[in-house]
Amino acid sequence: MPGERSGSGPSSAGFSAAWCATDLGEYRACRYTYERYPYESLPPLDSTQFTGTFQWLGGVGDHVPGQVTKLTGLAAGLTASGLRLPQDFITFQTSSNLYGSLDEVSVTGCWTDISEPLPSPVEPGAFLVRFLRDQQDCVIWYLYLRPGAAFVVHSHLDYEYEYEARRDGEQAQTDLDDGQEQRAAIFWCAPSFEEFAHRFWVENRLWRAVHGGDLSRLEPQLRDYLRHYAPPEVLALPRVVWFAADCRAAGPNWVGEDQSALLGEPEQRPDRDGRGAELVAAQRIQHGSDVVGADLTEAHCLMSGWTAAK
């Protein structure tokens, strides 16, 4: 199952660069469950630690036989198109110590779901491989594979569903033949899978710390990440309480789901009675959802205001 190191910048990919994530308490606001943050606004990462061995996550464990079989088949399918899975992705998805780590740390219920290769809707000869999705498909992350390069992108579109709908003659949520529309729906977010995994792991751990009100046990690396957004003295401030507000107009960068999804651990969230993802900016309702258009303009969203707890 041959592989190569992933890595490519947004300029060479031709996509807008943005990181899709939730808040970091008072250090980084988020109006909804997710928001897109300009990539250049993020804390820089030490690229020397991304060697493909994932030492920052405890290193590689034993192989997971079922995952090895799955990744071998996936790699074989790409070989026919002259493409290869990046080695860091193979290592992560087949190691017992690493596989599922992103699911475990996610505070918004994201879960691993690896797809077969999906043709890029914007570039002949390139493919998407979905590997992680939000529990309500508010955002989906993909490997973007092109000859000689691999990087991570995200979109609100489930391209596996879109291609299946077109194949079956059903109404899709997007026009796959509209290159401009598709390029606007895909965002570059990391130059390699390991860098994506590291930032995702760091930010979800930080969310638990800042909302738990105890930063004293954070490792220096995570405290430094927070200092990018606030001076050191702010790290000693008391925890904050976010409030919910009625939001009647969404800005261009939001990606949201039911506002009840953000506060609390995933297993503590109330039942949504089948309510699906709401993405106003894309004017899309998740397939299978019972949300109607009028609900979107009346959506209750988490705003970026906060007050210090007494």
C-alpha atoms as a PDB file:
ATOM      1  CA  MET A   1       0.000   0.000   0.000  1.00  0.00           C
ATOM      2  CA  PRO A   2       2.421   2.719  -1.181  1.00  0.00           C
ATOM      3  CA  GLY A   3       2.004   6.266   0.004  1.00  0.00           C
ATOM      4  CA  GLU A   4       3.652   9.678  -0.061  1.00  0.00           C
ATOM      5  CA  ARG A   5       3.836  12.652   2.267  1.00  0.00           C
ATOM      6  CA  SER A   6       0.900  14.977   1.763  1.00  0.00           C
ATOM      7  CA  GLY A   7       1.330  18.703   1.450  1.00  0.00           C
ATOM      8  CA  SER A   8       0.262  21.578  -0.790  1.00  0.00           C
ATOM      9  CA  GLY A   9      -0.560  25.225  -0.220  1.00  0.00           C
ATOM     10  CA  PRO A  10      -3.817  27.023  -1.044  1.00  0.00           C
ATOM     11  CA  SER A  11      -2.254  29.106  -3.797  1.00  0.00           C
ATOM     12  CA  SER A  12      -1.348  26.051  -5.851  1.00  0.00           C
ATOM     13  CA  ALA A  13      -4.733  24.473  -5.209  1.00  0.00           C
ATOM     14  CA  GLY A  14      -6.783  27.448  -6.356  1.00  0.00           C
ATOM     15  CA  PHE A  15      -9.198  27.276  -3.397  1.00  0.00           C
ATOM     16  CA  SER A  16      -9.974  29.865  -0.765  1.00  0.00           C
ATOM     17  CA  ALA A  17      -8.235  28.992   2.501  1.00  0.00           C
ATOM     18  CA  ALA A  18     -10.304  28.764   5.686  1.00  0.00           C
ATOM     19  CA  TRP A  19     -10.437  26.707   8.890  1.00  0.00           C
ATOM     20  CA  CYS A  20     -13.910  25.479   9.837  1.00  0.00           C
ATOM     21  CA  ALA A  21     -14.283  25.044  13.591  1.00  0.00           C
ATOM     22  CA  THR A  22     -16.174  26.106  16.687  1.00  0.00           C
ATOM     23  CA  ASP A  23     -15.308  28.672  19.361  1.00  0.00           C
ATOM     24  CA  LEU A  24     -12.448  28.723  21.823  1.00  0.00           C
ATOM     25  CA  GLY A  25     -14.446  30.431  24.554  1.00  0.00           C
ATOM     26  CA  GLU A  26     -13.559  34.099  25.038  1.00  0.00           C
ATOM     27  CA  TYR A  27     -10.356  33.646  23.077  1.00  0.00           C
ATOM     28  CA  ARG A  28     -12.050  33.121  19.711  1.00  0.00           C
ATOM     29  CA  ALA A  29     -15.725  33.812  19.177  1.00  0.00           C
ATOM     30  CA  CYS A  30     -18.050  31.691  17.064  1.00  0.00           C
ATOM     31  CA  ARG A  31     -21.547  32.892  16.221  1.00  0.00           C
ATOM     32  CA  TYR A  32     -22.879  29.449  15.456  1.00  0.00           C
ATOM     33  CA  THR A  33     -21.850  25.837  15.940  1.00  0.00           C
ATOM     34  CA  TYR A  34     -19.151  26.288  13.289  1.00  0.00           C
ATOM     35  CA  GLU A  35     -17.585  29.247  11.596  1.00  0.00           C
ATOM     36  CA  ARG A  36     -14.981  29.625   8.875  1.00  0.00           C
ATOM     37  CA  TYR A  37     -11.878  31.439  10.097  1.00  0.00           C
ATOM     38  CA  PRO A  38      -9.370  32.886   7.604  1.00  0.00           C
ATOM     39  CA  TYR A  39      -6.434  30.493   7.508  1.00  0.00           C
ATOM     40  CA  GLU A  40      -3.941  33.308   7.967  1.00  0.00           C
ATOM     41  CA  SER A  41      -5.619  34.206  11.289  1.00  0.00           C
ATOM     42  CA  LEU A  42      -4.763  30.825  12.863  1.00  0.00           C
ATOM     43  CA  PRO A  43      -1.869  30.199  15.259  1.00  0.00           C
ATOM     44  CA  PRO A  44       1.154  28.888  13.347  1.00  0.00           C
ATOM     45  CA  LEU A  45       2.146  25.251  13.916  1.00  0.00           C
ATOM     46  CA  ASP A  46       5.646  23.817  14.168  1.00  0.00           C
ATOM     47  CA  SER A  47       5.859  21.856  10.934  1.00  0.00           C
ATOM     48  CA  THR A  48       8.970  19.987  12.078  1.00  0.00           C
ATOM     49  CA  GLN A  49       6.813  17.793  14.331  1.00  0.00           C
ATOM     50  CA  PHE A  50       4.802  16.467  11.396  1.00  0.00           C
ATOM     51  CA  THR A  51       6.984  13.546  10.389  1.00  0.00           C
ATOM     52  CA  GLY A  52       4.235  10.993   9.770  1.00  0.00           C
ATOM     53  CA  THR A  53       4.866   9.165  13.065  1.00  0.00           C
ATOM     54  CA  PHE A  54       2.308  11.134  15.118  1.00  0.00           C
ATOM     55  CA  GLN A  55       4.553  11.303  18.183  1.00  0.00           C
ATOM     56  CA  TRP A  56       2.452  14.206  19.490  1.00  0.00           C
ATOM     57  CA  LEU A  57      -0.443  11.708  19.761  1.00  0.00           C
ATOM     58  CA  GLY A  58       1.545   8.899  21.328  1.00  0.00           C
ATOM     59  CA  GLY A  59       3.020   7.367  18.204  1.00  0.00           C
ATOM     60  CA  VAL A  60       1.973   4.460  16.019  1.00  0.00           C
ATOM     61  CA  GLY A  61       0.360   1.323  17.481  1.00  0.00           C
ATOM     62  CA  ASP A  62      -0.443  -2.103  16.058  1.00  0.00           C
ATOM     63  CA  HIS A  63      -2.210  -2.407  12.741  1.00  0.00           C
ATOM     64  CA  VAL A  64      -6.001  -2.643  12.668  1.00  0.00           C
ATOM     65  CA  PRO A  65      -6.573  -5.528  10.199  1.00  0.00           C
ATOM     66  CA  GLY A  66      -9.945  -4.324   8.965  1.00  0.00           C
ATOM     67  CA  GLN A  67      -8.598  -0.844   8.313  1.00  0.00           C
ATOM     68  CA  VAL A  68      -5.549  -2.208   6.512  1.00  0.00           C
ATOM     69  CA  THR A  69      -7.849  -4.136   4.175  1.00  0.00           C
ATOM     70  CA  LYS A  70     -10.039  -1.083   3.584  1.00  0.00           C
ATOM     71  CA  LEU A  71      -7.137   1.270   2.914  1.00  0.00           C
ATOM     72  CA  THR A  72      -5.450  -1.260   0.629  1.00  0.00           C
ATOM     73  CA  GLY A  73      -8.588  -1.411  -1.517  1.00  0.00           C
ATOM     74  CA  LEU A  74      -8.899   2.363  -1.516  1.00  0.00           C
ATOM     75  CA  ALA A  75      -5.274   2.778  -2.565  1.00  0.00           C
ATOM     76  CA  ALA A  76      -5.695   0.254  -5.368  1.00  0.00           C
ATOM     77  CA  GLY A  77      -8.618   2.211  -6.768  1.00  0.00           C
ATOM     78  CA  LEU A  78      -6.555   5.400  -6.829  1.00  0.00           C
ATOM     79  CA  THR A  79      -3.568   3.734  -8.456  1.00  0.00           C
ATOM     80  CA  ALA A  80      -5.615   3.233 -11.612  1.00  0.00           C
ATOM     81  CA  SER A  81      -5.927   7.028 -11.793  1.00  0.00           C
ATOM     82  CA  GLY A  82      -2.226   7.608 -11.155  1.00  0.00           C
ATOM     83  CA  LEU A  83      -2.801   8.827  -7.576  1.00  0.00           C
ATOM     84  CA  ARG A  84      -1.644   7.645  -4.153  1.00  0.00           C
ATOM     85  CA  LEU A  85      -2.913   8.049  -0.632  1.00  0.00           C
ATOM     86  CA  PRO A  86      -0.554  10.113   1.532  1.00  0.00           C
ATOM     87  CA  GLN A  87       1.449   7.978   3.943  1.00  0.00           C
ATOM     88  CA  ASP A  88       0.447  10.025   7.002  1.00  0.00           C
ATOM     89  CA  PHE A  89      -3.215   9.289   6.239  1.00  0.00           C
ATOM     90  CA  ILE A  90      -2.518   5.556   5.824  1.00  0.00           C
ATOM     91  CA  THR A  91      -0.564   5.441   9.082  1.00  0.00           C
ATOM     92  CA  PHE A  92      -3.272   7.226  11.050  1.00  0.00           C
ATOM     93  CA  GLN A  93      -6.201   5.240   9.690  1.00  0.00           C
ATOM     94  CA  THR A  94      -4.576   1.824  10.165  1.00  0.00           C
ATOM     95  CA  SER A  95      -2.944   2.268  13.589  1.00  0.00           C
ATOM     96  CA  SER A  96      -4.735   1.056  16.716  1.00  0.00           C
ATOM     97  CA  ASN A  97      -3.287   3.944  18.693  1.00  0.00           C
ATOM     98  CA  LEU A  98      -4.418   6.599  16.239  1.00  0.00           C
ATOM     99  CA  TYR A  99      -7.537   5.439  14.394  1.00  0.00           C
ATOM    100  CA  GLY A 100     -10.647   7.076  15.836  1.00  0.00           C
ATOM    101  CA  SER A 101      -8.716   9.710  17.799  1.00  0.00           C
ATOM    102  CA  LEU A 102     -10.473  12.576  16.054  1.00  0.00           C
ATOM    103  CA  ASP A 103     -13.890  11.060  16.847  1.00  0.00           C
ATOM    104  CA  GLU A 104     -12.947  10.749  20.518  1.00  0.00           C
ATOM    105  CA  VAL A 105     -11.718  14.322  20.927  1.00  0.00           C
ATOM    106  CA  SER A 106     -14.465  16.023  18.861  1.00  0.00           C
ATOM    107  CA  VAL A 107     -16.830  18.220  20.894  1.00  0.00           C
ATOM    108  CA  THR A 108     -19.327  18.497  18.022  1.00  0.00           C
ATOM    109  CA  GLY A 109     -19.849  14.800  17.384  1.00  0.00           C
ATOM    110  CA  CYS A 110     -17.630  14.430  14.299  1.00  0.00           C
ATOM    111  CA  TRP A 111     -16.951  10.871  13.174  1.00  0.00           C
ATOM    112  CA  THR A 112     -14.683   9.025  10.782  1.00  0.00           C
ATOM    113  CA  ASP A 113     -16.356   7.968   7.539  1.00  0.00           C
ATOM    114  CA  ILE A 114     -13.989   7.091   4.701  1.00  0.00           C
ATOM    115  CA  SER A 115     -15.456   7.158   1.208  1.00  0.00           C
ATOM    116  CA  GLU A 116     -14.385   5.675  -2.090  1.00  0.00           C
ATOM    117  CA  PRO A 117     -12.567   8.116  -4.411  1.00  0.00           C
ATOM    118  CA  LEU A 118     -14.935  10.813  -5.678  1.00  0.00           C
ATOM    119  CA  PRO A 119     -14.096  12.822  -8.814  1.00  0.00           C
ATOM    120  CA  SER A 120     -13.182  16.421  -8.117  1.00  0.00           C
ATOM    121  CA  PRO A 121     -15.946  18.640  -9.516  1.00  0.00           C
ATOM    122  CA  VAL A 122     -13.399  21.341 -10.411  1.00  0.00           C
ATOM    123  CA  GLU A 123     -10.323  19.535 -11.728  1.00  0.00           C
ATOM    124  CA  PRO A 124     -10.144  16.595 -14.144  1.00  0.00           C
ATOM    125  CA  GLY A 125      -7.887  13.837 -12.866  1.00  0.00           C
ATOM    126  CA  ALA A 126      -8.183  14.875  -9.214  1.00  0.00           C
ATOM    127  CA  PHE A 127     -10.230  13.063  -6.553  1.00  0.00           C
ATOM    128  CA  LEU A 128     -11.785  13.641  -3.144  1.00  0.00           C
ATOM    129  CA  VAL A 129     -11.728  11.067  -0.341  1.00  0.00           C
ATOM    130  CA  ARG A 130     -14.053  11.904   2.538  1.00  0.00           C
ATOM    131  CA  PHE A 131     -12.603  10.953   5.923  1.00  0.00           C
ATOM    132  CA  LEU A 132     -14.451  12.956   8.609  1.00  0.00           C
ATOM    133  CA  ARG A 133     -17.922  14.449   8.913  1.00  0.00           C
ATOM    134  CA  ASP A 134     -19.957  16.408  11.426  1.00  0.00           C
ATOM    135  CA  GLN A 135     -22.797  14.437  13.013  1.00  0.00           C
ATOM    136  CA  GLN A 136     -25.365  16.511  11.075  1.00  0.00           C
ATOM    137  CA  ASP A 137     -23.220  17.050   7.961  1.00  0.00           C
ATOM    138  CA  CYS A 138     -22.754  20.741   8.655  1.00  0.00           C
ATOM    139  CA  VAL A 139     -19.186  20.317   7.454  1.00  0.00           C
ATOM    140  CA  ILE A 140     -17.372  17.410   5.807  1.00  0.00           C
ATOM    141  CA  TRP A 141     -13.604  17.013   5.457  1.00  0.00           C
ATOM    142  CA  TYR A 142     -11.861  15.398   2.484  1.00  0.00           C
ATOM    143  CA  LEU A 143      -8.434  14.516   1.246  1.00  0.00           C
ATOM    144  CA  TYR A 144      -7.950  16.308  -2.049  1.00  0.00           C
ATOM    145  CA  LEU A 145      -5.718  14.180  -4.272  1.00  0.00           C
ATOM    146  CA  ARG A 146      -4.114  15.408  -7.462  1.00  0.00           C
ATOM    147  CA  PRO A 147      -0.999  14.207  -9.304  1.00  0.00           C
ATOM    148  CA  GLY A 148       1.983  14.829  -7.027  1.00  0.00           C
ATOM    149  CA  ALA A 149       0.026  16.488  -4.216  1.00  0.00           C
ATOM    150  CA  ALA A 150      -2.446  15.825  -1.428  1.00  0.00           C
ATOM    151  CA  PHE A 151      -4.004  18.230   1.063  1.00  0.00           C
ATOM    152  CA  VAL A 152      -7.155  18.636   3.155  1.00  0.00           C
ATOM    153  CA  VAL A 153     -10.286  20.540   2.175  1.00  0.00           C
ATOM    154  CA  HIS A 154     -13.721  20.946   3.690  1.00  0.00           C
ATOM    155  CA  SER A 155     -17.172  21.609   2.286  1.00  0.00           C
ATOM    156  CA  HIS A 156     -20.797  21.677   3.368  1.00  0.00           C
ATOM    157  CA  LEU A 157     -21.522  19.300   0.480  1.00  0.00           C
ATOM    158  CA  ASP A 158     -21.512  15.519   0.772  1.00  0.00           C
ATOM    159  CA  TYR A 159     -20.104  14.752  -2.651  1.00  0.00           C
ATOM    160  CA  GLU A 160     -20.785  11.039  -2.361  1.00  0.00           C
ATOM    161  CA  TYR A 161     -24.484  11.852  -1.957  1.00  0.00           C
ATOM    162  CA  GLU A 162     -24.364  14.415  -4.784  1.00  0.00           C
ATOM    163  CA  TYR A 163     -22.841  11.962  -7.259  1.00  0.00           C
ATOM    164  CA  GLU A 164     -25.253   9.204  -6.235  1.00  0.00           C
ATOM    165  CA  ALA A 165     -28.233  11.551  -6.658  1.00  0.00           C
ATOM    166  CA  ARG A 166     -27.124  12.494 -10.156  1.00  0.00           C
ATOM    167  CA  ARG A 167     -26.493   8.853 -11.058  1.00  0.00           C
ATOM    168  CA  ASP A 168     -29.953   7.832  -9.854  1.00  0.00           C
ATOM    169  CA  GLY A 169     -31.712  10.723 -11.580  1.00  0.00           C
ATOM    170  CA  GLU A 170     -32.653  12.361  -8.286  1.00  0.00           C
ATOM    171  CA  GLN A 171     -32.512  16.052  -7.493  1.00  0.00           C
ATOM    172  CA  ALA A 172     -29.101  17.008  -6.132  1.00  0.00           C
ATOM    173  CA  GLN A 173     -28.334  19.885  -3.783  1.00  0.00           C
ATOM    174  CA  THR A 174     -25.832  21.450  -6.191  1.00  0.00           C
ATOM    175  CA  ASP A 175     -24.906  21.629  -9.853  1.00  0.00           C
ATOM    176  CA  LEU A 176     -21.835  19.435 -10.147  1.00  0.00           C
ATOM    177  CA  ASP A 177     -21.148  20.793 -13.633  1.00  0.00           C
ATOM    178  CA  ASP A 178     -20.926  24.396 -12.432  1.00  0.00           C
ATOM    179  CA  GLY A 179     -17.208  24.771 -11.769  1.00  0.00           C
ATOM    180  CA  GLN A 180     -17.525  28.211 -10.224  1.00  0.00           C
ATOM    181  CA  GLU A 181     -20.205  27.053  -7.789  1.00  0.00           C
ATOM    182  CA  GLN A 182     -18.171  24.001  -6.826  1.00  0.00           C
ATOM    183  CA  ARG A 183     -14.929  25.893  -6.306  1.00  0.00           C
ATOM    184  CA  ALA A 184     -16.791  28.275  -3.997  1.00  0.00           C
ATOM    185  CA  ALA A 185     -18.090  25.286  -1.989  1.00  0.00           C
ATOM    186  CA  ILE A 186     -14.642  23.795  -1.286  1.00  0.00           C
ATOM    187  CA  PHE A 187     -12.130  25.348   1.115  1.00  0.00           C
ATOM    188  CA  TRP A 188      -8.471  24.445   1.525  1.00  0.00           C
ATOM    189  CA  CYS A 189      -7.737  23.998   5.248  1.00  0.00           C
ATOM    190  CA  ALA A 190      -4.441  22.146   5.788  1.00  0.00           C
ATOM    191  CA  PRO A 191      -1.336  21.307   3.739  1.00  0.00           C
ATOM    192  CA  SER A 192      -1.225  17.734   5.060  1.00  0.00           C
ATOM    193  CA  PHE A 193      -3.440  15.260   6.853  1.00  0.00           C
ATOM    194  CA  GLU A 194      -1.205  15.192   9.935  1.00  0.00           C
ATOM    195  CA  GLU A 195      -1.286  18.970  10.273  1.00  0.00           C
ATOM    196  CA  PHE A 196      -5.084  18.918   9.971  1.00  0.00           C
ATOM    197  CA  ALA A 197      -5.334  16.179  12.597  1.00  0.00           C
ATOM    198  CA  HIS A 198      -3.030  18.042  14.969  1.00  0.00           C
ATOM    199  CA  ARG A 199      -4.901  21.358  14.783  1.00  0.00           C
ATOM    200  CA  PHE A 200      -8.260  19.573  15.106  1.00  0.00           C
ATOM    201  CA  TRP A 201      -6.985  17.664  18.166  1.00  0.00           C
ATOM    202  CA  VAL A 202      -5.530  20.811  19.774  1.00  0.00           C
ATOM    203  CA  GLU A 203      -8.620  22.947  19.266  1.00  0.00           C
ATOM    204  CA  ASN A 204     -11.080  20.354  20.538  1.00  0.00           C
ATOM    205  CA  ARG A 205      -8.988  19.782  23.655  1.00  0.00           C
ATOM    206  CA  LEU A 206      -8.828  23.530  24.194  1.00  0.00           C
ATOM    207  CA  TRP A 207     -12.606  23.818  23.868  1.00  0.00           C
ATOM    208  CA  ARG A 208     -13.041  21.395  26.752  1.00  0.00           C
ATOM    209  CA  ALA A 209     -10.493  23.286  28.841  1.00  0.00           C
ATOM    210  CA  VAL A 210     -11.849  26.792  28.315  1.00  0.00           C
ATOM    211  CA  HIS A 211     -15.466  25.727  28.827  1.00  0.00           C
ATOM    212  CA  GLY A 212     -14.474  23.636  31.825  1.00  0.00           C
ATOM    213  CA  GLY A 213     -12.921  26.707  33.415  1.00  0.00           C
ATOM    214  CA  ASP A 214      -9.579  25.092  34.257  1.00  0.00           C
ATOM    215  CA  LEU A 215      -6.565  26.034  32.137  1.00  0.00           C
ATOM    216  CA  SER A 216      -3.998  25.196  34.793  1.00  0.00           C
ATOM    217  CA  ARG A 217      -3.374  21.677  33.485  1.00  0.00           C
ATOM    218  CA  LEU A 218      -2.878  22.641  29.857  1.00  0.00           C
ATOM    219  CA  GLU A 219       0.419  21.675  28.291  1.00  0.00           C
ATOM    220  CA  PRO A 220       2.650  24.617  27.286  1.00  0.00           C
ATOM    221  CA  GLN A 221       1.939  23.954  23.609  1.00  0.00           C
ATOM    222  CA  LEU A 222      -1.805  24.375  24.097  1.00  0.00           C
ATOM    223  CA  ARG A 223      -1.373  27.495  26.244  1.00  0.00           C
ATOM    224  CA  ASP A 224       0.790  28.988  23.511  1.00  0.00           C
ATOM    225  CA  TYR A 225      -1.999  28.293  21.019  1.00  0.00           C
ATOM    226  CA  LEU A 226      -4.427  30.320  23.154  1.00  0.00           C
ATOM    227  CA  ARG A 227      -1.895  33.148  23.557  1.00  0.00           C
ATOM    228  CA  HIS A 228      -2.161  33.723  19.817  1.00  0.00           C
ATOM    229  CA  TYR A 229      -5.666  35.058  20.512  1.00  0.00           C
ATOM    230  CA  ALA A 230      -5.061  36.767  23.859  1.00  0.00           C
ATOM    231  CA  PRO A 231      -2.175  38.168  25.941  1.00  0.00           C
ATOM    232  CA  PRO A 232      -0.878  35.903  28.753  1.00  0.00           C
ATOM    233  CA  GLU A 233      -2.698  37.806  31.501  1.00  0.00           C
ATOM    234  CA  VAL A 234      -6.041  36.994  29.900  1.00  0.00           C
ATOM    235  CA  LEU A 235      -5.408  33.304  30.506  1.00  0.00           C
ATOM    236  CA  ALA A 236      -6.011  33.981  34.206  1.00  0.00           C
ATOM    237  CA  LEU A 237      -9.488  35.477  33.695  1.00  0.00           C
ATOM    238  CA  PRO A 238     -12.486  33.624  35.170  1.00  0.00           C
ATOM    239  CA  ARG A 239     -14.439  31.320  32.916  1.00  0.00           C
ATOM    240  CA  VAL A 240     -17.172  32.860  30.792  1.00  0.00           C
ATOM    241  CA  VAL A 241     -20.773  32.007  30.096  1.00  0.00           C
ATOM    242  CA  TRP A 242     -22.008  32.226  26.545  1.00  0.00           C
ATOM    243  CA  PHE A 243     -25.536  33.308  25.844  1.00  0.00           C
ATOM    244  CA  ALA A 244     -27.968  32.407  23.107  1.00  0.00           C
ATOM    245  CA  ALA A 245     -29.600  35.134  21.049  1.00  0.00           C
ATOM    246  CA  ASP A 246     -32.121  35.297  18.247  1.00  0.00           C
ATOM    247  CA  CYS A 247     -30.226  35.599  14.988  1.00  0.00           C
ATOM    248  CA  ARG A 248     -32.142  36.825  11.953  1.00  0.00           C
ATOM    249  CA  ALA A 249     -29.315  37.426   9.495  1.00  0.00           C
ATOM    250  CA  ALA A 250     -26.299  35.199   8.971  1.00  0.00           C
ATOM    251  CA  GLY A 251     -22.955  36.454   7.742  1.00  0.00           C
ATOM    252  CA  PRO A 252     -21.073  34.851   4.842  1.00  0.00           C
ATOM    253  CA  ASN A 253     -18.765  32.670   6.938  1.00  0.00           C
ATOM    254  CA  TRP A 254     -21.106  30.714   9.154  1.00  0.00           C
ATOM    255  CA  VAL A 255     -21.809  27.027   9.054  1.00  0.00           C
ATOM    256  CA  GLY A 256     -24.435  26.008  11.572  1.00  0.00           C
ATOM    257  CA  GLU A 257     -26.672  23.338  13.003  1.00  0.00           C
ATOM    258  CA  ASP A 258     -29.313  23.421  15.715  1.00  0.00           C
ATOM    259  CA  GLN A 259     -28.041  25.858  18.330  1.00  0.00           C
ATOM    260  CA  SER A 260     -28.589  23.238  21.026  1.00  0.00           C
ATOM    261  CA  ALA A 261     -25.668  21.244  19.638  1.00  0.00           C
ATOM    262  CA  LEU A 262     -22.817  23.418  20.900  1.00  0.00           C
ATOM    263  CA  LEU A 263     -23.097  23.482  24.666  1.00  0.00           C
ATOM    264  CA  GLY A 264     -22.273  20.247  26.474  1.00  0.00           C
ATOM    265  CA  GLU A 265     -20.607  17.046  25.439  1.00  0.00           C
ATOM    266  CA  PRO A 266     -22.064  15.245  22.385  1.00  0.00           C
ATOM    267  CA  GLU A 267     -23.705  12.568  24.536  1.00  0.00           C
ATOM    268  CA  GLN A 268     -25.387  15.247  26.671  1.00  0.00           C
ATOM    269  CA  ARG A 269     -27.094  17.012  23.805  1.00  0.00           C
ATOM    270  CA  PRO A 270     -30.908  16.910  23.663  1.00  0.00           C
ATOM    271  CA  ASP A 271     -32.689  14.958  20.974  1.00  0.00           C
ATOM    272  CA  ARG A 272     -33.297  16.966  17.821  1.00  0.00           C
ATOM    273  CA  ASP A 273     -36.292  14.984  16.585  1.00  0.00           C
ATOM    274  CA  GLY A 274     -34.737  14.448  13.191  1.00  0.00           C
ATOM    275  CA  ARG A 275     -33.800  18.073  12.684  1.00  0.00           C
ATOM    276  CA  GLY A 276     -30.984  18.403  10.159  1.00  0.00           C
ATOM    277  CA  ALA A 277     -28.184  20.792   9.374  1.00  0.00           C
ATOM    278  CA  GLU A 278     -28.958  24.402   8.528  1.00  0.00           C
ATOM    279  CA  LEU A 279     -26.599  26.221   6.178  1.00  0.00           C
ATOM    280  CA  VAL A 280     -27.981  29.622   5.296  1.00  0.00           C
ATOM    281  CA  ALA A 281     -25.001  30.838   3.310  1.00  0.00           C
ATOM    282  CA  ALA A 282     -25.274  27.875   0.952  1.00  0.00           C
ATOM    283  CA  GLN A 283     -29.088  27.837   0.983  1.00  0.00           C
ATOM    284  CA  ARG A 284     -28.943  24.094   1.599  1.00  0.00           C
ATOM    285  CA  ILE A 285     -30.933  21.840   3.889  1.00  0.00           C
ATOM    286  CA  GLN A 286     -29.503  18.449   4.690  1.00  0.00           C
ATOM    287  CA  HIS A 287     -31.226  15.648   2.816  1.00  0.00           C
ATOM    288  CA  GLY A 288     -33.764  13.962   5.045  1.00  0.00           C
ATOM    289  CA  SER A 289     -34.302  17.111   7.106  1.00  0.00           C
ATOM    290  CA  ASP A 290     -37.719  18.451   8.071  1.00  0.00           C
ATOM    291  CA  VAL A 291     -36.440  22.014   8.313  1.00  0.00           C
ATOM    292  CA  VAL A 292     -38.291  24.373   6.001  1.00  0.00           C
ATOM    293  CA  GLY A 293     -37.143  27.659   4.518  1.00  0.00           C
ATOM    294  CA  ALA A 294     -38.974  29.799   7.045  1.00  0.00           C
ATOM    295  CA  ASP A 295     -37.068  28.126   9.869  1.00  0.00           C
ATOM    296  CA  LEU A 296     -33.766  29.333   8.474  1.00  0.00           C
ATOM    297  CA  THR A 297     -34.525  33.037   8.863  1.00  0.00           C
ATOM    298  CA  GLU A 298     -35.861  32.490  12.371  1.00  0.00           C
ATOM    299  CA  ALA A 299     -32.923  30.324  13.470  1.00  0.00           C
ATOM    300  CA  HIS A 300     -31.733  30.741  17.030  1.00  0.00           C
ATOM    301  CA  CYS A 301     -27.964  30.947  16.865  1.00  0.00           C
ATOM    302  CA  LEU A 302     -25.136  31.251  19.354  1.00  0.00           C
ATOM    303  CA  MET A 303     -23.832  34.778  19.193  1.00  0.00           C
ATOM    304  CA  SER A 304     -20.349  35.909  20.117  1.00  0.00           C
ATOM    305  CA  GLY A 305     -21.349  37.846  23.226  1.00  0.00           C
ATOM    306  CA  TRP A 306     -20.319  36.674  26.689  1.00  0.00           C
ATOM    307  CA  THR A 307     -20.391  37.743  30.289  1.00  0.00           C
ATOM    308  CA  ALA A 308     -18.022  36.784  33.071  1.00  0.00           C
ATOM    309  CA  ALA A 309     -19.427  34.288  35.557  1.00  0.00           C
ATOM    310  CA  LYS A 310     -19.698  35.505  39.092  1.00  0.00           C
END
